[in-house]
Amino acid sequence: MSAAVTAICVLAMWQAGTILSADSDARIAQANASAENSKNEAAKANLRTEQIKASVSWRSLTKEQFEAIKSMSSSFIGRIWIVCGGSDPECQYYGDGFLRAFRAGGADANFMFGMQPNPDQGVIIHTPDTQKNIQITELMRSSGITSFILNPSEPFEGITGRYIGSNPPNPTSDSFVIIPSKKPPTFE
């Protein structure tokens, strides 16, 4: 009788262990799935955080871009005018990076406050020489700066401004780097 009770107890304990092991395995699988879901949600939240940071942060030149602009200073014709929005401090901050880079490269760079169309279009390049426009635009793009050539047939359509100094800009002999304003952030 004692052997039968012991066998029944061992069988019951084995069965209970099997049930507990299956329950533990199910709970572990559920916890792992929950952890993976949490990890995915955290990754989505981190991505959104980075997108928000990018949309509200001010633009600035990287060290590599500064050096690239410094080295291409000699490619520009005449004086170089950096045109930025007169009431946009972010645009002026970004433009100041270009101004410092051009001056570091030995260029006669000047600042001009103006109003530009198409916010966040990219840096707009204009020199009196169409081939130079193409060359400079490609150099800008290769350094990671989105840039476009200003339509040479109507070089200053929609752009008005005021310059600093006594010698006004001349579209037929000077170069222009127009820094459009950054679009305001949108939150979805």
Protein backbone atom coordinates (compact mmCIF):
# COMPACT_ATOMS: atom_id res chain seq x y z
CA MET A 1 0.00 0.00 0.00
CA SER A 2 2.83 2.34 0.91
CA ALA A 3 4.47 1.70 -2.47
CA ALA A 4 1.18 2.48 -4.24
CA VAL A 5 0.76 5.77 -2.32
CA THR A 6 4.37 6.69 -3.07
CA ALA A 7 3.86 5.89 -6.77
CA ILE A 8 0.68 7.98 -6.85
CA CYS A 9 2.47 10.86 -5.10
CA VAL A 10 5.42 10.66 -7.50
CA LEU A 11 3.02 10.53 -10.46
CA ALA A 12 1.07 13.52 -9.08
CA MET A 13 4.26 15.48 -8.51
CA TRP A 14 5.50 14.64 -12.01
CA GLN A 15 2.15 15.71 -13.50
CA ALA A 16 2.17 18.92 -11.39
CA GLY A 17 5.75 19.64 -12.51
CA THR A 18 4.74 19.17 -16.14
CA ILE A 19 1.77 21.52 -15.70
CA LEU A 20 3.89 24.11 -13.86
CA SER A 21 6.64 23.84 -16.49
CA ALA A 22 4.14 24.36 -19.33
CA ASP A 23 2.60 27.31 -17.46
CA SER A 24 6.08 28.79 -16.86
CA ASP A 25 7.00 28.32 -20.51
CA ALA A 26 3.78 30.07 -21.58
CA ARG A 27 4.40 32.96 -19.18
CA ILE A 28 8.01 33.29 -20.35
CA ALA A 29 6.87 33.34 -24.01
CA GLN A 30 4.24 35.97 -23.15
CA ALA A 31 6.83 38.07 -21.29
CA ASN A 32 9.26 37.79 -24.22
CA ALA A 33 6.53 38.87 -26.66
CA SER A 34 5.63 41.78 -24.38
CA ALA A 35 9.30 42.76 -24.10
CA GLU A 36 9.70 42.63 -27.90
CA ASN A 37 6.57 44.75 -28.30
CA SER A 38 7.92 47.24 -25.77
CA LYS A 39 11.26 47.31 -27.59
CA ASN A 40 9.48 48.07 -30.89
CA GLU A 41 7.40 50.81 -29.27
CA ALA A 42 10.55 52.32 -27.74
CA ALA A 43 12.28 52.26 -31.13
CA LYS A 44 9.28 54.05 -32.70
CA ALA A 45 9.30 56.64 -29.90
CA ASN A 46 13.06 57.21 -30.32
CA LEU A 47 12.65 57.65 -34.09
CA ARG A 48 9.84 60.16 -33.57
CA THR A 49 11.97 62.01 -31.00
CA GLU A 50 14.81 62.28 -33.50
CA GLN A 51 12.38 63.51 -36.19
CA ILE A 52 11.07 66.20 -33.84
CA LYS A 53 14.60 67.22 -32.87
CA ALA A 54 15.56 67.50 -36.54
CA SER A 55 12.49 69.60 -37.35
CA VAL A 56 13.09 72.12 -34.56
CA SER A 57 16.90 72.23 -34.47
CA TRP A 58 18.77 75.02 -36.18
CA ARG A 59 20.76 74.20 -39.28
CA SER A 60 24.52 74.47 -39.09
CA LEU A 61 27.48 73.47 -41.19
CA THR A 62 29.45 70.41 -40.20
CA LYS A 63 33.21 70.76 -39.96
CA GLU A 64 33.51 68.91 -43.29
CA GLN A 65 30.98 71.23 -44.97
CA PHE A 66 32.78 74.29 -43.56
CA GLU A 67 36.07 73.04 -45.03
CA ALA A 68 34.41 72.21 -48.38
CA ILE A 69 32.91 75.71 -48.66
CA LYS A 70 36.22 77.26 -47.59
CA SER A 71 38.00 75.35 -50.37
CA MET A 72 35.42 76.29 -53.03
CA SER A 73 35.58 80.01 -52.23
CA SER A 74 37.82 80.65 -55.20
CA SER A 75 35.23 79.11 -57.55
CA PHE A 76 32.86 82.03 -56.99
CA ILE A 77 32.99 85.14 -59.17
CA GLY A 78 33.33 88.63 -57.67
CA ARG A 79 32.06 89.33 -54.20
CA ILE A 80 29.96 86.66 -52.54
CA TRP A 81 26.70 87.78 -51.02
CA ILE A 82 25.08 85.57 -48.39
CA VAL A 83 21.37 86.40 -48.53
CA CYS A 84 19.31 85.48 -45.45
CA GLY A 85 15.86 86.27 -44.13
CA GLY A 86 15.94 89.58 -42.29
CA SER A 87 13.65 88.43 -39.51
CA ASP A 88 14.73 84.80 -39.29
CA PRO A 89 17.47 84.21 -36.71
CA GLU A 90 17.80 80.50 -37.62
CA CYS A 91 18.42 81.41 -41.27
CA GLN A 92 20.93 84.08 -40.25
CA TYR A 93 22.73 81.60 -37.98
CA TYR A 94 23.04 79.12 -40.87
CA GLY A 95 24.09 81.91 -43.25
CA ASP A 96 26.74 83.06 -40.79
CA GLY A 97 28.38 79.64 -41.10
CA PHE A 98 28.63 80.14 -44.87
CA LEU A 99 29.95 83.69 -44.39
CA ARG A 100 32.68 82.50 -42.00
CA ALA A 101 33.64 79.60 -44.31
CA PHE A 102 33.93 81.85 -47.38
CA ARG A 103 35.96 84.42 -45.47
CA ALA A 104 38.23 81.67 -44.12
CA GLY A 105 38.83 80.73 -47.76
CA GLY A 106 39.90 84.31 -48.56
CA ALA A 107 36.71 85.38 -50.37
CA ASP A 108 35.20 88.85 -50.18
CA ALA A 109 32.01 87.58 -48.51
CA ASN A 110 29.22 89.91 -47.40
CA PHE A 111 25.88 89.57 -45.68
CA MET A 112 22.59 90.71 -47.16
CA PHE A 113 19.20 90.56 -45.46
CA GLY A 114 16.38 89.66 -47.78
CA MET A 115 13.15 87.79 -48.25
CA GLN A 116 13.37 84.53 -50.14
CA PRO A 117 10.66 82.41 -51.70
CA ASN A 118 10.18 78.67 -51.10
CA PRO A 119 11.25 78.03 -47.52
CA ASP A 120 13.45 74.99 -46.95
CA GLN A 121 14.10 74.60 -50.69
CA GLY A 122 17.81 74.41 -50.16
CA VAL A 123 20.71 76.78 -50.69
CA ILE A 124 20.33 78.69 -53.96
CA ILE A 125 23.48 79.50 -55.95
CA HIS A 126 23.91 82.30 -58.49
CA THR A 127 27.08 83.48 -60.18
CA PRO A 128 27.37 85.41 -63.45
CA ASP A 129 28.80 82.26 -65.10
CA THR A 130 26.32 79.42 -65.77
CA GLN A 131 29.10 76.80 -65.85
CA LYS A 132 30.35 78.00 -62.46
CA ASN A 133 26.78 77.72 -61.13
CA ILE A 134 26.68 74.06 -62.14
CA GLN A 135 30.17 73.36 -60.76
CA ILE A 136 29.50 75.07 -57.44
CA THR A 137 26.09 73.43 -57.05
CA GLU A 138 27.66 70.00 -57.56
CA LEU A 139 30.40 70.82 -55.04
CA MET A 140 27.75 71.90 -52.51
CA ARG A 141 25.70 68.75 -53.08
CA SER A 142 28.77 66.51 -52.80
CA SER A 143 29.46 68.04 -49.37
CA GLY A 144 25.89 67.25 -48.27
CA ILE A 145 24.31 70.68 -48.73
CA THR A 146 21.07 70.64 -50.71
CA SER A 147 21.52 73.34 -53.33
CA PHE A 148 19.95 74.64 -56.51
CA ILE A 149 20.90 77.00 -59.30
CA LEU A 150 19.00 80.25 -59.39
CA ASN A 151 17.28 80.78 -62.75
CA PRO A 152 19.84 82.90 -64.63
CA SER A 153 17.22 84.51 -66.89
CA GLU A 154 15.49 86.11 -63.90
CA PRO A 155 18.16 86.00 -61.21
CA PHE A 156 16.35 87.90 -58.46
CA GLU A 157 12.67 87.29 -59.12
CA GLY A 158 10.86 87.37 -55.80
CA ILE A 159 13.96 88.25 -53.83
CA THR A 160 14.23 91.63 -52.20
CA GLY A 161 16.64 92.76 -49.57
CA ARG A 162 19.00 95.24 -48.05
CA TYR A 163 22.74 94.92 -47.81
CA ILE A 164 25.24 96.06 -45.24
CA GLY A 165 27.83 98.55 -46.44
CA SER A 166 28.19 101.25 -49.06
CA ASN A 167 28.91 99.14 -52.15
CA PRO A 168 25.68 97.50 -53.38
CA PRO A 169 25.58 93.99 -54.85
CA ASN A 170 25.78 93.62 -58.62
CA PRO A 171 24.04 90.55 -60.16
CA THR A 172 26.18 90.81 -63.29
CA SER A 173 29.53 90.63 -61.46
CA ASP A 174 28.88 89.18 -58.00
CA SER A 175 27.93 85.74 -56.71
CA PHE A 176 25.02 85.00 -54.41
CA VAL A 177 24.34 82.21 -51.93
CA ILE A 178 20.70 82.49 -50.90
CA ILE A 179 19.77 80.71 -47.68
CA PRO A 180 16.00 80.14 -47.60
CA SER A 181 14.20 80.00 -44.28
CA LYS A 182 13.53 76.61 -42.78
CA LYS A 183 9.92 75.45 -42.83
CA PRO A 184 8.35 75.49 -39.39
CA PRO A 185 7.92 72.07 -37.81
CA THR A 186 4.71 70.15 -38.28
CA PHE A 187 3.49 67.63 -35.77
CA GLU A 188 1.21 64.80 -36.75
